[in-house]
């Protein structure tokens, strides 16, 4: 029994591959590329738990460890039976981190994986007086169903009509599943980045504003993750006019990035992409197709910061799945961090009521102070 640092990538990945709760970001090669990776293995009786954490400093005064929250790479039991020992494993983690002088632990409970698993994690953190934040993952159930059923009962009439119009306009969808394919279409991919970023008022954002950097990241991810990482492109008149990056592993397909060229939005390439990927998820037996998340619920009075994107997704029948995020202060300073995050979340979530010019300052401050603490944010 006890906690130790992982040193064997093969042994780590063997646990990832046999666990029913693993996601792509549990894979050692994906997570360990971060220079501040803290890979913990917890031994409890006959079970093993993995906890991929990132060790960071805040304002050079606080030490925070966080899991890849928005990729749902939380503490990972090796089997379903291991959930019975999950609370004890978390006790060991807390003691280990306190000995390392860590101030705050942040992770999540991926509720779509298992209600029992999520409830056990939730109970432990609440017992230890952690702050809880809820975000809403936008997910489509594609397991044990057909695309025809999804088409009829999940896609709204408006969405179905636009998908048909895309086909009549000559838009087709192709899968860029090799490094050579990505390189071949990179000029058009970069053109989509430039157009989308200007449309969103984010020109200059890293890495999408830099062609060579974007290409390098795509090629590196493809070589590293192989069949788990693919680009889907919408093709019109020999040009790629929109694309989505899809990461797939253990019955979950996730949109990692989506960009489209403003000039061709009237050809409905994004609708064609969603329909094609949903079809693949159904036909290949994936349980879930996930397309980002939001900080507010659709039925709440508080509007979304990305209301147009939210409306687009719900035309396809995406569900709101609550994901619980925890921040647990392990020291006196750590409890102060809990308070800081609580106010930050309040400001960002309610930023929609702030004048746009002032809101942009809040968001820039938020990005500058937290870009190394947060996992990739969907926009």
Protein backbone atom coordinates (compact mmCIF):
# COMPACT_ATOMS: atom_id res chain seq x y z
CA UNK A 1 0.00 0.00 0.00
CA UNK A 2 1.10 3.60 -0.60
CA UNK A 3 1.75 6.27 -3.21
CA UNK A 4 4.75 6.41 -5.53
CA UNK A 5 5.85 8.20 -8.69
CA UNK A 6 5.36 6.23 -11.89
CA UNK A 7 8.55 5.28 -13.70
CA UNK A 8 7.34 2.60 -16.12
CA UNK A 9 5.20 3.93 -19.01
CA UNK A 10 4.31 0.40 -20.14
CA UNK A 11 2.95 -0.60 -16.73
CA UNK A 12 1.06 2.70 -16.52
CA UNK A 13 -0.59 2.19 -19.91
CA UNK A 14 -1.52 -1.40 -19.09
CA UNK A 15 -3.71 -0.04 -16.28
CA UNK A 16 -5.15 2.65 -18.58
CA UNK A 17 -6.06 0.06 -21.19
CA UNK A 18 -7.86 -2.27 -18.81
CA UNK A 19 -9.75 0.37 -16.84
CA UNK A 20 -13.36 0.97 -17.91
CA UNK A 21 -13.05 4.64 -16.88
CA UNK A 22 -9.96 5.74 -18.81
CA UNK A 23 -9.85 8.59 -21.34
CA UNK A 24 -7.19 9.47 -23.88
CA UNK A 25 -5.44 11.91 -21.55
CA UNK A 26 -4.76 9.12 -19.09
CA UNK A 27 -2.30 7.67 -21.62
CA UNK A 28 1.23 8.15 -20.37
CA UNK A 29 2.67 9.54 -23.60
CA UNK A 30 -0.07 12.17 -23.86
CA UNK A 31 0.01 13.42 -20.30
CA UNK A 32 3.73 13.07 -19.51
CA UNK A 33 4.78 15.48 -22.28
CA UNK A 34 4.10 18.29 -19.79
CA UNK A 35 7.37 19.20 -18.07
CA UNK A 36 5.55 19.53 -14.72
CA UNK A 37 3.85 16.13 -14.88
CA UNK A 38 3.40 14.34 -11.57
CA UNK A 39 2.39 10.74 -12.30
CA UNK A 40 1.11 9.03 -9.16
CA UNK A 41 0.41 5.32 -8.69
CA UNK A 42 -1.58 4.40 -5.59
CA UNK A 43 -1.53 0.83 -4.31
CA UNK A 44 -4.47 -0.24 -2.16
CA UNK A 45 -4.90 -3.96 -1.45
CA UNK A 46 -5.10 -5.77 -4.80
CA UNK A 47 -5.92 -2.65 -6.78
CA UNK A 48 -4.00 0.11 -8.47
CA UNK A 49 -5.06 3.71 -9.06
CA UNK A 50 -3.47 6.19 -11.42
CA UNK A 51 -3.59 9.93 -10.81
CA UNK A 52 -2.07 12.08 -13.58
CA UNK A 53 -1.35 15.50 -12.10
CA UNK A 54 0.34 18.70 -13.22
CA UNK A 55 2.45 20.44 -10.59
CA UNK A 56 2.27 24.24 -10.98
CA UNK A 57 3.06 27.43 -9.10
CA UNK A 58 0.63 30.34 -8.79
CA UNK A 59 2.17 33.81 -8.36
CA UNK A 60 5.35 32.00 -7.22
CA UNK A 61 3.75 31.63 -3.82
CA UNK A 62 1.33 28.71 -4.08
CA UNK A 63 1.82 25.13 -5.24
CA UNK A 64 -1.17 23.64 -7.03
CA UNK A 65 -1.61 20.19 -8.56
CA UNK A 66 -4.38 19.65 -11.05
CA UNK A 67 -5.44 16.79 -13.31
CA UNK A 68 -6.35 17.37 -17.00
CA UNK A 69 -9.80 18.47 -15.86
CA UNK A 70 -11.48 19.33 -19.16
CA UNK A 71 -10.30 16.04 -20.65
CA UNK A 72 -11.80 14.17 -17.65
CA UNK A 73 -8.48 12.51 -16.69
CA UNK A 74 -9.31 12.18 -13.00
CA UNK A 75 -8.07 9.53 -10.56
CA UNK A 76 -8.34 6.20 -12.39
CA UNK A 77 -9.30 2.87 -10.73
CA UNK A 78 -7.86 -0.16 -12.53
CA UNK A 79 -11.18 -2.07 -12.36
CA UNK A 80 -14.79 -1.49 -11.43
CA UNK A 81 -14.30 -3.32 -8.12
CA UNK A 82 -11.56 -0.87 -7.16
CA UNK A 83 -14.16 1.83 -6.55
CA UNK A 84 -14.72 0.29 -3.10
CA UNK A 85 -11.19 1.43 -2.19
CA UNK A 86 -11.33 4.80 -3.94
CA UNK A 87 -11.83 6.87 -0.78
CA UNK A 88 -8.83 5.24 0.89
CA UNK A 89 -6.73 5.92 -2.21
CA UNK A 90 -7.70 9.60 -2.11
CA UNK A 91 -6.75 9.73 1.59
CA UNK A 92 -3.30 8.49 0.65
CA UNK A 93 -3.00 11.04 -2.15
CA UNK A 94 -3.90 13.91 0.20
CA UNK A 95 -1.25 12.83 2.72
CA UNK A 96 1.38 12.41 -0.02
CA UNK A 97 0.70 15.87 -1.45
CA UNK A 98 0.79 17.50 1.99
CA UNK A 99 4.23 15.96 2.56
CA UNK A 100 5.27 17.52 -0.78
CA UNK A 101 4.12 20.92 0.56
CA UNK A 102 1.36 21.17 -2.06
CA UNK A 103 -1.23 23.82 -1.20
CA UNK A 104 -4.19 22.84 -3.38
CA UNK A 105 -5.52 19.83 -5.32
CA UNK A 106 -7.93 20.25 -8.23
CA UNK A 107 -9.61 17.48 -10.22
CA UNK A 108 -13.01 16.39 -11.54
CA UNK A 109 -15.62 13.65 -11.48
CA UNK A 110 -16.53 12.49 -15.01
CA UNK A 111 -20.19 11.67 -14.32
CA UNK A 112 -20.83 10.18 -17.77
CA UNK A 113 -18.48 7.27 -17.01
CA UNK A 114 -20.17 5.81 -13.95
CA UNK A 115 -22.62 7.20 -11.42
CA UNK A 116 -21.07 5.10 -8.64
CA UNK A 117 -17.57 6.28 -9.49
CA UNK A 118 -18.60 9.94 -9.65
CA UNK A 119 -20.64 9.71 -6.43
CA UNK A 120 -17.70 8.20 -4.53
CA UNK A 121 -15.34 10.96 -5.69
CA UNK A 122 -17.95 13.62 -4.91
CA UNK A 123 -18.58 12.30 -1.40
CA UNK A 124 -14.87 12.27 -0.54
CA UNK A 125 -14.25 15.85 -1.67
CA UNK A 126 -17.37 17.19 0.02
CA UNK A 127 -16.39 15.47 3.28
CA UNK A 128 -13.06 17.29 3.07
CA UNK A 129 -14.83 20.65 2.46
CA UNK A 130 -13.63 21.17 -1.09
CA UNK A 131 -15.17 23.84 -3.29
CA UNK A 132 -17.33 22.37 -6.04
CA UNK A 133 -17.90 23.98 -9.43
CA UNK A 134 -20.21 22.49 -12.07
CA UNK A 135 -19.59 22.80 -15.79
CA UNK A 136 -21.82 21.23 -18.42
CA UNK A 137 -20.28 18.98 -21.03
CA UNK A 138 -22.20 18.92 -24.32
CA UNK A 139 -22.53 15.26 -25.20
CA UNK A 140 -24.52 13.12 -27.60
CA UNK A 141 -25.37 9.51 -26.74
CA UNK A 142 -24.30 7.36 -29.66
CA UNK A 143 -23.97 3.96 -27.99
CA UNK A 144 -26.53 1.22 -28.65
CA UNK A 145 -28.29 3.28 -31.29
CA UNK A 146 -28.20 3.89 -35.03
CA UNK A 147 -27.46 7.08 -36.90
CA UNK A 148 -30.93 6.90 -38.42
CA UNK A 149 -32.39 7.09 -34.91
CA UNK A 150 -30.12 10.02 -34.04
CA UNK A 151 -31.12 11.74 -37.30
CA UNK A 152 -34.83 11.39 -36.61
CA UNK A 153 -34.99 11.98 -32.87
CA UNK A 154 -32.00 14.17 -31.95
CA UNK A 155 -31.31 16.44 -34.93
CA UNK A 156 -33.79 19.29 -35.20
CA UNK A 157 -35.58 19.84 -38.51
CA UNK A 158 -33.55 23.01 -39.10
CA UNK A 159 -30.29 21.06 -38.66
CA UNK A 160 -31.41 18.26 -40.99
CA UNK A 161 -32.32 20.78 -43.69
CA UNK A 162 -28.90 22.43 -43.47
CA UNK A 163 -27.14 19.07 -43.71
CA UNK A 164 -29.12 18.32 -46.87
CA UNK A 165 -28.27 21.76 -48.27
CA UNK A 166 -24.58 21.13 -47.60
CA UNK A 167 -24.78 17.95 -49.66
CA UNK A 168 -26.63 19.76 -52.47
CA UNK A 169 -23.98 22.48 -52.40
CA UNK A 170 -21.37 19.82 -53.06
CA UNK A 171 -19.83 19.74 -49.58
CA UNK A 172 -18.29 16.39 -48.66
CA UNK A 173 -16.42 15.26 -45.54
CA UNK A 174 -13.07 13.52 -45.62
CA UNK A 175 -10.97 12.02 -42.82
CA UNK A 176 -7.35 13.21 -42.63
CA UNK A 177 -5.94 10.14 -40.93
CA UNK A 178 -2.27 10.34 -41.97
CA UNK A 179 0.50 12.87 -41.51
CA UNK A 180 0.65 13.18 -45.31
CA UNK A 181 -3.04 14.14 -45.45
CA UNK A 182 -2.55 16.84 -42.81
CA UNK A 183 0.45 18.31 -44.64
CA UNK A 184 -1.42 18.21 -47.97
CA UNK A 185 -4.32 20.29 -46.65
CA UNK A 186 -2.34 22.53 -44.28
CA UNK A 187 -2.68 25.70 -46.39
CA UNK A 188 -6.47 25.42 -46.26
CA UNK A 189 -6.41 24.45 -42.57
CA UNK A 190 -4.42 27.59 -41.79
CA UNK A 191 -6.78 29.68 -43.92
CA UNK A 192 -9.68 28.39 -41.78
CA UNK A 193 -7.74 29.33 -38.63
CA UNK A 194 -7.11 32.88 -39.83
CA UNK A 195 -10.72 33.41 -40.90
CA UNK A 196 -12.24 31.92 -37.74
CA UNK A 197 -9.93 33.81 -35.37
CA UNK A 198 -10.67 37.13 -37.07
CA UNK A 199 -14.41 36.39 -36.95
CA UNK A 200 -14.14 35.65 -33.22
CA UNK A 201 -11.92 38.65 -32.50
CA UNK A 202 -9.04 36.39 -31.42
CA UNK A 203 -6.46 37.01 -34.15
CA UNK A 204 -2.98 36.46 -32.73
CA UNK A 205 -4.07 33.53 -30.52
CA UNK A 206 -1.37 30.91 -30.08
CA UNK A 207 -0.81 28.46 -31.77
CA UNK A 208 -3.56 28.76 -34.39
CA UNK A 209 -2.33 32.09 -35.77
CA UNK A 210 1.03 30.56 -36.69
CA UNK A 211 1.05 28.12 -39.59
CA UNK A 212 4.30 26.28 -38.86
CA UNK A 213 3.49 25.93 -35.17
CA UNK A 214 0.01 24.56 -35.94
CA UNK A 215 1.41 22.09 -38.45
CA UNK A 216 4.07 20.96 -35.99
CA UNK A 217 1.48 20.36 -33.26
CA UNK A 218 -0.85 18.43 -35.57
CA UNK A 219 1.96 16.24 -36.92
CA UNK A 220 3.37 15.63 -33.45
CA UNK A 221 -0.06 14.67 -32.07
CA UNK A 222 -0.72 12.33 -35.01
CA UNK A 223 2.61 10.56 -34.65
CA UNK A 224 2.19 10.25 -30.91
CA UNK A 225 -1.49 9.26 -30.70
CA UNK A 226 -1.81 7.48 -34.07
CA UNK A 227 -5.36 6.23 -34.68
CA UNK A 228 -6.69 8.09 -31.62
CA UNK A 229 -6.14 11.49 -33.29
CA UNK A 230 -7.76 12.52 -36.59
CA UNK A 231 -8.87 15.59 -38.50
CA UNK A 232 -12.15 15.67 -40.40
CA UNK A 233 -12.35 18.22 -43.20
CA UNK A 234 -15.32 19.63 -45.08
CA UNK A 235 -14.36 19.87 -48.76
CA UNK A 236 -15.97 22.26 -51.26
CA UNK A 237 -14.77 22.76 -54.84
CA UNK A 238 -11.42 21.22 -54.02
CA UNK A 239 -10.87 23.36 -50.91
CA UNK A 240 -11.00 22.46 -47.25
CA UNK A 241 -13.39 25.07 -45.80
CA UNK A 242 -13.87 23.75 -42.25
CA UNK A 243 -12.35 21.08 -40.03
CA UNK A 244 -12.68 19.41 -36.65
CA UNK A 245 -9.97 17.72 -34.63
CA UNK A 246 -11.31 14.50 -33.12
CA UNK A 247 -9.72 12.57 -30.27
CA UNK A 248 -11.16 9.12 -29.70
CA UNK A 249 -10.52 6.53 -27.02
CA UNK A 250 -12.44 4.02 -24.94
CA UNK A 251 -15.93 4.69 -26.32
CA UNK A 252 -15.54 8.51 -26.25
CA UNK A 253 -15.14 10.80 -29.27
CA UNK A 254 -14.18 14.40 -28.40
CA UNK A 255 -13.94 17.52 -30.52
CA UNK A 256 -10.54 18.97 -29.69
CA UNK A 257 -10.77 21.94 -32.04
CA UNK A 258 -13.15 23.28 -34.70
CA UNK A 259 -12.39 25.98 -37.27
CA UNK A 260 -14.25 27.16 -40.37
CA UNK A 261 -13.81 29.76 -43.11
CA UNK A 262 -16.27 32.64 -42.82
CA UNK A 263 -16.61 32.99 -46.59
CA UNK A 264 -18.12 29.51 -46.91
CA UNK A 265 -20.44 29.35 -43.90
CA UNK A 266 -23.45 29.58 -46.21
CA UNK A 267 -22.44 26.14 -47.57
CA UNK A 268 -23.04 24.69 -44.05
CA UNK A 269 -19.74 22.80 -43.65
CA UNK A 270 -19.97 22.66 -39.85
CA UNK A 271 -23.36 20.96 -40.03
CA UNK A 272 -21.93 18.41 -42.47
CA UNK A 273 -19.00 17.72 -40.13
CA UNK A 274 -21.18 17.14 -37.06
CA UNK A 275 -23.47 14.79 -38.97
CA UNK A 276 -20.58 12.79 -40.41
CA UNK A 277 -18.80 12.42 -37.06
CA UNK A 278 -22.05 11.45 -35.31
CA UNK A 279 -22.56 8.77 -37.94
CA UNK A 280 -19.04 7.42 -37.35
CA UNK A 281 -19.59 7.38 -33.59
CA UNK A 282 -22.78 5.34 -34.00
CA UNK A 283 -21.39 2.92 -36.57
CA UNK A 284 -18.13 2.33 -34.70
CA UNK A 285 -19.79 1.71 -31.35
CA UNK A 286 -18.75 4.81 -29.38
CA UNK A 287 -20.93 5.55 -26.37
CA UNK A 288 -20.51 9.33 -26.46
CA UNK A 289 -19.74 12.12 -28.92
CA UNK A 290 -18.59 15.18 -26.93
CA UNK A 291 -18.42 18.72 -28.30
CA UNK A 292 -17.02 21.03 -25.63
CA UNK A 293 -18.73 22.42 -22.55
CA UNK A 294 -20.17 25.54 -21.00
CA UNK A 295 -20.09 27.14 -17.57
CA UNK A 296 -23.85 27.78 -17.54
CA UNK A 297 -26.85 25.56 -18.12
CA UNK A 298 -29.07 26.18 -21.11
CA UNK A 299 -32.21 26.59 -18.99
CA UNK A 300 -30.61 29.06 -16.55
CA UNK A 301 -31.41 32.76 -16.72
CA UNK A 302 -27.70 33.50 -16.93
CA UNK A 303 -26.75 33.49 -20.64
CA UNK A 304 -23.71 31.80 -22.10
CA UNK A 305 -20.59 33.71 -23.10
CA UNK A 306 -20.75 31.67 -26.33
CA UNK A 307 -24.50 31.71 -26.98
CA UNK A 308 -24.28 31.22 -30.77
CA UNK A 309 -22.11 28.12 -30.40
CA UNK A 310 -24.41 26.81 -27.68
CA UNK A 311 -27.46 27.21 -29.96
CA UNK A 312 -25.63 25.50 -32.81
CA UNK A 313 -24.85 22.42 -30.72
CA UNK A 314 -28.32 22.00 -29.27
CA UNK A 315 -29.82 21.84 -32.76
CA UNK A 316 -28.12 18.46 -32.97
CA UNK A 317 -29.50 17.13 -29.72
CA UNK A 318 -26.40 17.40 -27.55
CA UNK A 319 -27.20 16.85 -23.87
CA UNK A 320 -25.86 18.81 -20.91
CA UNK A 321 -23.90 16.41 -18.71
CA UNK A 322 -22.81 17.98 -15.39
CA UNK A 323 -19.10 17.62 -14.64
CA UNK A 324 -18.08 18.34 -11.06
CA UNK A 325 -14.78 20.18 -10.54
CA UNK A 326 -13.17 20.20 -7.09
CA UNK A 327 -10.61 22.49 -5.49
CA UNK A 328 -9.35 21.26 -2.14
CA UNK A 329 -7.04 23.37 0.00
CA UNK A 330 -4.47 21.14 1.69
CA UNK A 331 -2.88 23.98 3.67
CA UNK A 332 -3.91 27.35 5.02
CA UNK A 333 -2.64 28.97 1.83
CA UNK A 334 -4.53 26.36 -0.18
CA UNK A 335 -7.80 27.36 1.41
CA UNK A 336 -7.09 30.94 0.34
CA UNK A 337 -6.67 29.64 -3.23
CA UNK A 338 -10.11 28.05 -3.00
CA UNK A 339 -11.50 31.50 -2.25
CA UNK A 340 -9.60 33.08 -5.17
CA UNK A 341 -10.93 30.52 -7.63
CA UNK A 342 -14.44 30.96 -6.30
CA UNK A 343 -14.38 34.69 -7.11
CA UNK A 344 -12.68 34.10 -10.47
CA UNK A 345 -15.41 31.69 -11.53
CA UNK A 346 -18.06 34.19 -10.46
CA UNK A 347 -16.47 36.96 -12.55
CA UNK A 348 -15.96 34.83 -15.68
CA UNK A 349 -19.40 33.21 -15.59
CA UNK A 350 -21.20 36.51 -15.06
CA UNK A 351 -18.97 38.33 -17.50
CA UNK A 352 -21.77 38.32 -20.05
CA UNK A 353 -23.42 41.16 -18.12
CA UNK A 354 -20.26 43.28 -18.17
CA UNK A 355 -19.75 45.73 -21.08
CA UNK A 356 -17.83 44.02 -23.87
CA UNK A 357 -14.78 46.28 -23.64
CA UNK A 358 -14.44 45.71 -19.89
CA UNK A 359 -15.25 42.01 -20.21
CA UNK A 360 -12.35 41.55 -22.63
CA UNK A 361 -9.98 42.92 -19.98
CA UNK A 362 -11.31 40.43 -17.42
CA UNK A 363 -10.91 37.57 -19.88
CA UNK A 364 -7.39 38.63 -20.85
CA UNK A 365 -6.41 38.80 -17.19
CA UNK A 366 -7.98 35.40 -16.60
CA UNK A 367 -6.11 33.87 -19.55
CA UNK A 368 -2.78 35.41 -18.55
CA UNK A 369 -2.94 34.17 -14.97
CA UNK A 370 -4.42 30.74 -15.56
CA UNK A 371 -3.34 29.47 -18.97
CA UNK A 372 -0.73 27.21 -17.36
CA UNK A 373 -3.17 25.94 -14.74
CA UNK A 374 -6.13 25.12 -16.93
CA UNK A 375 -6.26 22.37 -19.55
CA UNK A 376 -7.20 23.26 -23.14
CA UNK A 377 -10.42 25.35 -23.19
CA UNK A 378 -12.88 24.84 -26.04
CA UNK A 379 -13.95 28.01 -27.71
